[in-house]
Amino acid sequence: MELRIFTEPQQGASYDDLLRVALAAERLGYGAFFRSDHYLVMGDHDGLPGPTDAWITLAGLARDTTTIRLGTLVTAGTFRLPGPLAISVAQVDAMSGGRVELGLGAGWYEAEHHAFGVPFPDTRDRFDRFAEQLEIVTSLWSLPVGERYTFEGSHHRVVDNPGLPKPVQAGGIPLVVGGGGKR
């Protein structure tokens, strides 16, 4: 059995707080450090010192840790466009020496979207976008070097993308998918 740490830094944690937890988890033999990808505090908390960005935080942790795996539970598909997300995650994978996992979901926290000016489509639309994003990100990572990728979906369009950079991990970056709603 492998134990993993999950944090909710939007509830009130700085990068230094997260680094202390990640280093302690690594030292104690935990398998991974995961964090939520949220910007808005939930419940009756002040959220101080304020939110941290998941992928910027994980990039820092990639350089400040050596063995623990790193990832999100889960990055909302509404927060990040698929092409730039593929680049960010592949880059953090390289910075960590191949220790990244991508958790990806459709997005659910409506108040957070409104608070940060992020569109919040209806459930079906969010899940359709999520499916397209998953298709694009994984296709960009698996595209052979020298080829180009084009995708025409209902929500995302990618034209002549070189699919670079590539993840460091052999076999690609492990994916964790999450979401809720009617089945």
Protein backbone atom coordinates (compact mmCIF):
# COMPACT_ATOMS: atom_id res chain seq x y z
CA MET A 1 0.00 0.00 0.00
CA GLU A 2 1.23 3.48 -0.83
CA LEU A 3 0.13 6.47 1.22
CA ARG A 4 -0.24 9.89 -0.39
CA ILE A 5 -0.74 13.38 1.02
CA PHE A 6 -3.53 15.63 -0.24
CA THR A 7 -3.72 19.34 0.67
CA GLU A 8 -6.32 22.08 0.21
CA PRO A 9 -4.13 25.21 0.23
CA GLN A 10 -6.98 27.53 -0.77
CA GLN A 11 -8.10 27.08 2.85
CA GLY A 12 -4.99 28.97 4.00
CA ALA A 13 -1.45 27.88 3.15
CA SER A 14 1.54 29.66 1.66
CA TYR A 15 4.12 28.06 -0.63
CA ASP A 16 6.43 27.69 2.37
CA ASP A 17 3.68 25.82 4.26
CA LEU A 18 3.18 23.48 1.31
CA LEU A 19 6.93 22.96 0.95
CA ARG A 20 7.21 21.96 4.62
CA VAL A 21 4.41 19.42 4.19
CA ALA A 22 5.89 18.02 0.96
CA LEU A 23 9.37 17.70 2.46
CA ALA A 24 8.00 16.02 5.59
CA ALA A 25 5.92 13.64 3.46
CA GLU A 26 8.97 12.84 1.35
CA ARG A 27 11.17 12.30 4.44
CA LEU A 28 8.51 10.03 6.02
CA GLY A 29 8.23 7.86 2.90
CA TYR A 30 4.87 8.95 1.51
CA GLY A 31 4.43 8.18 -2.17
CA ALA A 32 3.04 11.48 -3.41
CA PHE A 33 2.04 15.03 -2.57
CA PHE A 34 -1.18 16.15 -4.23
CA ARG A 35 -2.93 19.45 -3.94
CA SER A 36 -6.27 20.81 -5.02
CA ASP A 37 -6.46 23.24 -7.91
CA HIS A 38 -8.73 25.84 -6.33
CA TYR A 39 -8.42 29.58 -5.81
CA LEU A 40 -11.36 30.34 -3.53
CA VAL A 41 -11.63 29.34 0.12
CA MET A 42 -14.49 27.01 0.96
CA GLY A 43 -16.64 27.35 4.06
CA ASP A 44 -16.21 29.72 6.97
CA HIS A 45 -12.46 30.42 6.75
CA ASP A 46 -10.46 33.49 5.83
CA GLY A 47 -8.12 31.62 3.45
CA LEU A 48 -5.13 33.70 4.52
CA PRO A 49 -2.55 34.27 3.21
CA GLY A 50 -4.49 33.76 -0.04
CA PRO A 51 -4.53 31.22 -2.85
CA THR A 52 -1.56 29.66 -4.57
CA ASP A 53 -1.63 28.41 -8.14
CA ALA A 54 -1.44 24.61 -8.37
CA TRP A 55 0.96 24.30 -11.29
CA ILE A 56 3.24 27.13 -10.19
CA THR A 57 3.39 25.54 -6.73
CA LEU A 58 4.11 22.10 -8.18
CA ALA A 59 6.89 23.58 -10.34
CA GLY A 60 8.53 24.95 -7.20
CA LEU A 61 8.06 21.67 -5.36
CA ALA A 62 9.52 19.81 -8.35
CA ARG A 63 12.78 21.68 -7.74
CA ASP A 64 12.63 21.61 -3.93
CA THR A 65 11.93 17.85 -3.53
CA THR A 66 13.73 14.82 -4.92
CA THR A 67 11.64 11.64 -4.76
CA ILE A 68 7.97 12.27 -3.95
CA ARG A 69 5.48 12.24 -6.82
CA LEU A 70 3.53 15.47 -7.41
CA GLY A 71 0.09 16.18 -8.79
CA THR A 72 -3.35 17.78 -8.68
CA LEU A 73 -6.70 16.49 -7.46
CA VAL A 74 -7.96 17.79 -9.81
CA THR A 75 -7.22 20.60 -12.24
CA ALA A 76 -10.52 21.99 -13.48
CA GLY A 77 -10.82 21.87 -17.26
CA THR A 78 -12.47 25.28 -17.07
CA PHE A 79 -9.35 26.89 -15.57
CA ARG A 80 -6.79 26.00 -18.23
CA LEU A 81 -6.79 25.67 -22.00
CA PRO A 82 -5.56 22.25 -23.15
CA GLY A 83 -2.53 23.32 -25.22
CA PRO A 84 -0.94 25.50 -22.52
CA LEU A 85 -1.86 22.91 -19.86
CA ALA A 86 -0.01 20.20 -21.81
CA ILE A 87 3.08 22.44 -21.88
CA SER A 88 2.90 23.34 -18.17
CA VAL A 89 2.46 19.76 -16.99
CA ALA A 90 5.18 18.40 -19.29
CA GLN A 91 7.52 21.14 -18.09
CA VAL A 92 6.84 20.37 -14.40
CA ASP A 93 7.38 16.69 -15.24
CA ALA A 94 10.82 17.61 -16.63
CA MET A 95 11.59 19.85 -13.64
CA SER A 96 10.79 16.95 -11.31
CA GLY A 97 12.71 14.33 -13.24
CA GLY A 98 9.49 12.53 -14.18
CA ARG A 99 7.47 12.60 -10.94
CA VAL A 100 4.23 14.30 -12.06
CA GLU A 101 0.66 13.01 -12.27
CA LEU A 102 -2.14 15.05 -13.80
CA GLY A 103 -5.52 15.04 -12.12
CA LEU A 104 -8.07 16.55 -14.47
CA GLY A 105 -11.77 17.23 -13.98
CA ALA A 106 -14.63 19.21 -15.42
CA GLY A 107 -14.82 21.91 -12.72
CA TRP A 108 -17.61 22.23 -10.17
CA TYR A 109 -17.22 25.20 -7.82
CA GLU A 110 -19.44 27.84 -9.40
CA ALA A 111 -18.76 30.61 -6.85
CA GLU A 112 -15.02 30.25 -7.45
CA HIS A 113 -15.48 30.65 -11.20
CA HIS A 114 -17.51 33.82 -10.70
CA ALA A 115 -15.04 35.20 -8.14
CA PHE A 116 -12.14 34.90 -10.58
CA GLY A 117 -13.90 35.74 -13.84
CA VAL A 118 -13.77 32.21 -15.22
CA PRO A 119 -16.80 31.18 -17.31
CA PHE A 120 -18.90 28.43 -15.71
CA PRO A 121 -20.86 26.56 -18.39
CA ASP A 122 -23.62 24.08 -17.56
CA THR A 123 -22.71 20.54 -16.48
CA ARG A 124 -22.99 18.94 -19.91
CA ASP A 125 -20.85 21.65 -21.51
CA ARG A 126 -18.18 21.34 -18.79
CA PHE A 127 -17.97 17.58 -19.27
CA ASP A 128 -17.84 17.94 -23.06
CA ARG A 129 -15.00 20.45 -22.69
CA PHE A 130 -13.27 18.12 -20.25
CA ALA A 131 -13.45 15.21 -22.72
CA GLU A 132 -11.97 17.37 -25.48
CA GLN A 133 -9.25 18.66 -23.16
CA LEU A 134 -8.28 15.12 -22.19
CA GLU A 135 -8.14 14.13 -25.88
CA ILE A 136 -5.96 17.14 -26.77
CA VAL A 137 -3.53 16.92 -23.85
CA THR A 138 -2.88 13.19 -24.24
CA SER A 139 -2.60 13.48 -28.03
CA LEU A 140 -0.07 16.30 -27.79
CA TRP A 141 2.06 14.27 -25.39
CA SER A 142 1.95 11.11 -27.52
CA LEU A 143 2.43 12.83 -30.89
CA PRO A 144 5.68 11.67 -32.52
CA VAL A 145 8.35 14.39 -32.68
CA GLY A 146 8.29 16.10 -36.05
CA GLU A 147 4.57 15.56 -36.63
CA ARG A 148 1.78 18.12 -36.16
CA TYR A 149 -1.55 17.76 -34.38
CA THR A 150 -4.88 19.29 -35.38
CA PHE A 151 -8.15 18.90 -33.49
CA GLU A 152 -11.54 20.42 -34.25
CA GLY A 153 -14.02 20.00 -31.43
CA SER A 154 -17.16 21.74 -30.31
CA HIS A 155 -15.25 23.73 -27.67
CA HIS A 156 -11.55 23.57 -28.52
CA ARG A 157 -9.66 23.96 -31.77
CA VAL A 158 -5.97 23.14 -32.14
CA VAL A 159 -4.26 23.65 -35.48
CA ASP A 160 -0.82 22.43 -36.53
CA ASN A 161 0.53 22.02 -32.97
CA PRO A 162 4.01 20.40 -32.70
CA GLY A 163 3.14 18.67 -29.40
CA LEU A 164 6.21 19.91 -27.57
CA PRO A 165 7.60 19.59 -24.95
CA LYS A 166 7.22 15.89 -24.29
CA PRO A 167 6.81 14.41 -20.81
CA VAL A 168 9.94 12.89 -19.32
CA GLN A 169 8.17 9.78 -18.01
CA ALA A 170 8.36 6.72 -20.21
CA GLY A 171 4.81 5.79 -21.14
CA GLY A 172 3.53 9.29 -20.44
CA ILE A 173 2.22 11.16 -17.44
CA PRO A 174 -0.19 9.17 -15.27
CA LEU A 175 -3.71 10.60 -15.32
CA VAL A 176 -6.27 10.85 -12.56
CA VAL A 177 -9.72 11.83 -13.83
CA GLY A 178 -12.44 13.15 -11.60
CA GLY A 179 -15.87 14.61 -11.85
CA GLY A 180 -19.41 14.39 -10.63
CA GLY A 181 -22.86 14.83 -12.01
CA LYS A 182 -25.56 12.78 -13.65
CA ARG A 183 -24.28 9.58 -15.22
